[in-house]
Amino acid sequence: MRSNRLVIVGTCLLVALVSSPTMAQSAPTLQEQLNTQYKLARMSSRVGDWTVLEPGTVLEIVKSVAAVPPKSVRLCGSKFENGTLKEPGSFCLGMDRKNFRYLTVGEKVYPVKLALDTAKDKVVMEVVECDSCNGLQAPSSYRAEVTFQFAKGFLANASAGQVEDTIGQVFGISSGNSQPPAQAGGGQPQQAPPQQQAEPQTIRTGMTTDQVIAAIGKPQKIVDLDTKQIYIYSDMKITFVNGKVTDVQ
């Protein structure tokens, strides 16, 4: 009888070990889930050279974000909190005042960094222009960084979907999410063939920013002065007041 009891006890212990949560495969962490949703692009490591070696998830700018050129020694990060995007301080931007610009709504970017800090309830994402997605023939590769700040204790129990919804208010996943293949041996992804030059477009007072962009494309730089904006192109400056054209130079 004693031997039978030992067999029964041993069997129960084996069943308990097999069914123990510590023996089962652990659920993916929040960081791992975000890494799956946002595949980071692999870039060259040389200073000032942001050549794409392997493309990542294609994101689309939802809110205009301040960005610095590839050779900038530092990033000027923006902060997104409670639905509001706050741009970097003037001191940081002052170092690249002549070169920084905004990544405007609709432009495509790759994520190159995604850091989760549960203790401080923040997620930091760094992106770089997807030159080929935007149809650029000359490398641009402007970079931007946004810190997504959450309420205290939120990330400890947050789902990946909740975090992705917040990130999506600034960086939405592009429709179709096409990833241009990198050239063999590295280098820039293959660029789209140049489009035929469109007929000259007319800019009139009263046109909206969307109408201007649809007519002549995105500006090289945007000067944002609250109700007044100045779109700077290679051959002209367009002034908007309350979202409508008031002057063209």
Protein backbone atom coordinates (compact mmCIF):
# COMPACT_ATOMS: atom_id res chain seq x y z
CA MET A 1 0.00 0.00 0.00
CA ARG A 2 2.87 2.35 0.84
CA SER A 3 4.43 1.89 -2.59
CA ASN A 4 1.08 2.64 -4.26
CA ARG A 5 0.78 5.86 -2.27
CA LEU A 6 4.27 6.92 -3.39
CA VAL A 7 3.33 6.34 -7.02
CA ILE A 8 0.14 8.41 -6.63
CA VAL A 9 1.98 11.27 -4.88
CA GLY A 10 4.72 11.27 -7.51
CA THR A 11 2.16 11.38 -10.31
CA CYS A 12 0.37 14.34 -8.70
CA LEU A 13 3.63 16.25 -8.33
CA LEU A 14 4.47 15.64 -12.01
CA VAL A 15 1.03 16.89 -13.12
CA ALA A 16 1.40 19.98 -10.93
CA LEU A 17 4.80 20.82 -12.40
CA VAL A 18 3.63 20.41 -15.99
CA SER A 19 0.55 22.59 -15.43
CA SER A 20 2.44 25.23 -13.44
CA PRO A 21 2.43 28.69 -15.08
CA THR A 22 6.20 28.88 -14.66
CA MET A 23 6.59 25.84 -16.91
CA ALA A 24 4.27 27.16 -19.60
CA GLN A 25 5.42 29.57 -22.27
CA SER A 26 5.21 33.13 -20.95
CA ALA A 27 3.00 35.68 -22.71
CA PRO A 28 4.79 38.27 -24.87
CA THR A 29 5.66 41.48 -23.08
CA LEU A 30 4.26 44.85 -24.11
CA GLN A 31 7.61 45.77 -25.63
CA GLU A 32 7.64 42.55 -27.68
CA GLN A 33 4.11 43.19 -28.93
CA LEU A 34 5.00 46.72 -29.97
CA ASN A 35 8.14 45.46 -31.71
CA THR A 36 5.96 43.10 -33.72
CA GLN A 37 3.58 45.89 -34.75
CA TYR A 38 6.34 48.38 -35.56
CA LYS A 39 9.21 46.71 -37.40
CA LEU A 40 12.26 48.95 -37.08
CA ALA A 41 14.21 49.88 -40.18
CA ARG A 42 17.89 48.94 -40.11
CA MET A 43 20.07 51.90 -41.02
CA SER A 44 23.76 52.42 -41.75
CA SER A 45 25.78 53.24 -38.65
CA ARG A 46 28.08 55.90 -40.11
CA VAL A 47 27.67 59.38 -38.62
CA GLY A 48 25.46 61.57 -40.80
CA ASP A 49 24.66 58.69 -43.16
CA TRP A 50 21.13 57.39 -42.71
CA THR A 51 21.05 55.03 -45.65
CA VAL A 52 18.34 52.38 -45.35
CA LEU A 53 19.81 48.88 -45.24
CA GLU A 54 16.55 47.10 -44.46
CA PRO A 55 13.12 48.79 -44.58
CA GLY A 56 10.69 48.65 -41.70
CA THR A 57 7.00 49.33 -41.14
CA VAL A 58 5.88 52.29 -43.23
CA LEU A 59 4.23 54.94 -41.06
CA GLU A 60 2.34 58.05 -42.14
CA ILE A 61 2.56 61.42 -40.41
CA VAL A 62 -0.78 62.30 -38.79
CA LYS A 63 0.39 65.43 -36.92
CA SER A 64 3.24 67.60 -38.23
CA VAL A 65 6.44 66.84 -36.31
CA ALA A 66 9.63 68.90 -36.03
CA ALA A 67 12.57 67.07 -37.63
CA VAL A 68 16.31 67.61 -37.95
CA PRO A 69 18.64 66.82 -40.88
CA PRO A 70 20.60 63.54 -40.90
CA LYS A 71 23.89 65.19 -39.98
CA SER A 72 22.46 66.90 -36.89
CA VAL A 73 24.40 65.96 -33.75
CA ARG A 74 21.25 65.76 -31.63
CA LEU A 75 17.55 65.11 -31.91
CA CYS A 76 15.03 67.72 -30.81
CA GLY A 77 12.25 65.56 -29.46
CA SER A 78 8.56 66.48 -29.34
CA LYS A 79 6.18 65.35 -26.58
CA PHE A 80 2.67 63.95 -27.02
CA GLU A 81 0.47 63.99 -23.93
CA ASN A 82 -3.29 64.13 -23.41
CA GLY A 83 -3.90 64.41 -27.15
CA THR A 84 -1.58 67.40 -27.61
CA LEU A 85 1.74 67.41 -29.47
CA LYS A 86 4.24 69.86 -28.01
CA GLU A 87 7.20 70.72 -30.23
CA PRO A 88 10.79 70.96 -28.95
CA GLY A 89 12.02 74.05 -27.15
CA SER A 90 13.43 76.94 -29.13
CA PHE A 91 16.91 76.40 -27.64
CA CYS A 92 17.20 72.92 -29.12
CA LEU A 93 15.73 73.92 -32.47
CA GLY A 94 17.97 76.98 -32.52
CA MET A 95 20.98 74.75 -33.13
CA ASP A 96 19.45 73.66 -36.44
CA ARG A 97 17.16 76.63 -37.07
CA LYS A 98 18.31 77.00 -40.68
CA ASN A 99 17.96 73.31 -41.48
CA PHE A 100 15.16 71.87 -39.38
CA ARG A 101 11.73 71.41 -40.92
CA TYR A 102 8.41 69.77 -40.19
CA LEU A 103 7.47 66.33 -41.40
CA THR A 104 4.01 67.22 -42.68
CA VAL A 105 0.76 65.28 -42.67
CA GLY A 106 0.83 62.42 -45.16
CA GLU A 107 4.61 62.05 -45.42
CA LYS A 108 5.95 58.52 -44.97
CA VAL A 109 8.55 57.52 -42.40
CA TYR A 110 10.23 54.43 -40.96
CA PRO A 111 10.49 53.75 -37.22
CA VAL A 112 14.14 53.32 -36.19
CA LYS A 113 13.74 53.29 -32.40
CA LEU A 114 10.95 52.20 -30.05
CA ALA A 115 11.76 52.35 -26.34
CA LEU A 116 9.26 51.50 -23.60
CA ASP A 117 9.83 52.90 -20.09
CA THR A 118 7.19 51.44 -17.79
CA ALA A 119 8.62 53.13 -14.69
CA LYS A 120 8.18 56.58 -16.23
CA ASP A 121 5.06 55.62 -18.23
CA LYS A 122 6.43 56.74 -21.56
CA VAL A 123 7.17 55.35 -25.01
CA VAL A 124 9.82 57.02 -27.17
CA MET A 125 9.68 56.57 -30.94
CA GLU A 126 12.26 57.85 -33.40
CA VAL A 127 11.48 57.92 -37.12
CA VAL A 128 13.36 58.75 -40.32
CA GLU A 129 11.95 59.81 -43.67
CA CYS A 130 11.19 57.03 -46.13
CA ASP A 131 12.68 58.83 -49.14
CA SER A 132 11.55 56.28 -51.70
CA CYS A 133 7.99 56.18 -50.27
CA ASN A 134 7.79 59.97 -50.64
CA GLY A 135 9.12 59.87 -54.21
CA LEU A 136 12.31 61.78 -53.38
CA GLN A 137 15.16 61.33 -55.84
CA ALA A 138 17.80 62.99 -53.64
CA PRO A 139 18.35 61.59 -50.10
CA SER A 140 16.71 63.64 -47.37
CA SER A 141 16.37 61.34 -44.35
CA TYR A 142 15.19 63.93 -41.83
CA ARG A 143 14.73 62.48 -38.35
CA ALA A 144 12.16 63.12 -35.62
CA GLU A 145 11.58 61.81 -32.12
CA VAL A 146 8.35 61.85 -30.12
CA THR A 147 7.89 60.92 -26.46
CA PHE A 148 4.40 59.55 -25.78
CA GLN A 149 3.68 60.35 -22.13
CA PHE A 150 0.96 58.34 -20.36
CA ALA A 151 -0.72 58.77 -17.00
CA LYS A 152 1.11 57.45 -13.94
CA GLY A 153 0.78 53.67 -13.67
CA PHE A 154 -0.94 53.31 -17.05
CA LEU A 155 1.68 51.22 -18.85
CA ALA A 156 1.87 48.63 -16.07
CA ASN A 157 -1.49 47.19 -17.17
CA ALA A 158 -1.94 48.68 -20.65
CA SER A 159 -2.63 46.54 -23.69
CA ALA A 160 -0.62 46.87 -26.88
CA GLY A 161 -3.75 48.11 -28.65
CA GLN A 162 -4.15 51.02 -26.23
CA VAL A 163 -0.54 52.12 -26.76
CA GLU A 164 -0.82 51.71 -30.53
CA ASP A 165 -3.97 53.87 -30.57
CA THR A 166 -2.03 56.67 -28.88
CA ILE A 167 1.00 56.35 -31.17
CA GLY A 168 -1.39 56.29 -34.12
CA GLN A 169 -2.49 59.85 -33.34
CA VAL A 170 0.97 61.01 -34.52
CA PHE A 171 2.36 58.10 -36.57
CA GLY A 172 -0.35 56.05 -38.27
CA ILE A 173 0.47 52.81 -40.05
CA SER A 174 0.36 53.56 -43.76
CA SER A 175 -2.48 52.08 -45.77
CA GLY A 176 -1.16 48.96 -47.47
CA ASN A 177 2.08 49.41 -45.50
CA SER A 178 4.24 48.71 -48.55
CA GLN A 179 7.92 48.24 -47.76
CA PRO A 180 10.20 49.16 -50.69
CA PRO A 181 12.92 46.51 -50.97
CA ALA A 182 16.50 47.53 -50.24
CA GLN A 183 19.02 47.22 -53.04
CA ALA A 184 21.32 44.22 -53.03
CA GLY A 185 24.32 44.87 -50.79
CA GLY A 186 22.57 47.70 -48.91
CA GLY A 187 22.03 51.29 -49.93
CA GLN A 188 18.85 53.25 -50.44
CA PRO A 189 15.66 51.32 -51.20
CA GLN A 190 14.76 51.33 -54.87
CA GLN A 191 13.09 54.60 -55.68
CA ALA A 192 9.88 55.03 -57.58
CA PRO A 193 10.31 56.05 -61.23
CA PRO A 194 10.01 59.82 -61.75
CA GLN A 195 6.57 61.01 -62.69
CA GLN A 196 5.90 63.13 -65.74
CA GLN A 197 5.90 66.84 -64.99
CA ALA A 198 2.40 68.12 -64.36
CA GLU A 199 0.93 71.19 -66.01
CA PRO A 200 1.64 74.49 -64.18
CA GLN A 201 -0.79 75.10 -61.35
CA THR A 202 -2.27 78.42 -60.24
CA ILE A 203 -2.20 79.52 -56.60
CA ARG A 204 -4.91 81.98 -55.61
CA THR A 205 -5.77 83.82 -52.43
CA GLY A 206 -8.33 81.97 -50.37
CA MET A 207 -7.02 78.50 -51.24
CA THR A 208 -6.59 76.13 -48.28
CA THR A 209 -3.36 74.40 -47.31
CA ASP A 210 -4.72 71.09 -48.63
CA GLN A 211 -5.56 72.68 -51.99
CA VAL A 212 -2.07 74.19 -52.27
CA ILE A 213 -0.35 70.89 -51.41
CA ALA A 214 -2.58 69.07 -53.91
CA ALA A 215 -1.60 71.61 -56.59
CA ILE A 216 2.17 72.01 -56.08
CA GLY A 217 3.16 69.43 -53.46
CA LYS A 218 4.53 69.64 -49.95
CA PRO A 219 6.77 72.59 -48.98
CA GLN A 220 10.43 72.29 -48.10
CA LYS A 221 9.84 74.09 -44.82
CA ILE A 222 6.91 75.32 -42.77
CA VAL A 223 7.04 78.32 -40.43
CA ASP A 224 4.21 77.92 -37.92
CA LEU A 225 3.10 81.11 -36.14
CA ASP A 226 -0.17 79.94 -34.59
CA THR A 227 -2.89 81.33 -36.89
CA LYS A 228 -0.29 82.27 -39.51
CA GLN A 229 1.78 79.74 -41.47
CA ILE A 230 4.40 80.25 -44.17
CA TYR A 231 5.08 77.44 -46.64
CA ILE A 232 8.54 77.77 -48.14
CA TYR A 233 9.23 76.24 -51.56
CA SER A 234 12.38 76.44 -53.67
CA ASP A 235 10.98 79.33 -55.74
CA MET A 236 8.24 80.89 -53.62
CA LYS A 237 6.80 81.57 -50.19
CA ILE A 238 3.09 81.18 -49.52
CA THR A 239 1.49 82.81 -46.47
CA PHE A 240 -1.65 81.35 -44.89
CA VAL A 241 -3.81 83.01 -42.25
CA ASN A 242 -6.35 80.76 -40.54
CA GLY A 243 -5.55 78.06 -43.09
CA LYS A 244 -6.13 80.14 -46.25
CA VAL A 245 -3.73 81.80 -48.70
CA THR A 246 -3.28 85.53 -48.12
CA ASP A 247 0.01 86.23 -49.91
CA VAL A 248 2.40 84.62 -52.40
CA GLN A 249 5.99 85.79 -52.94
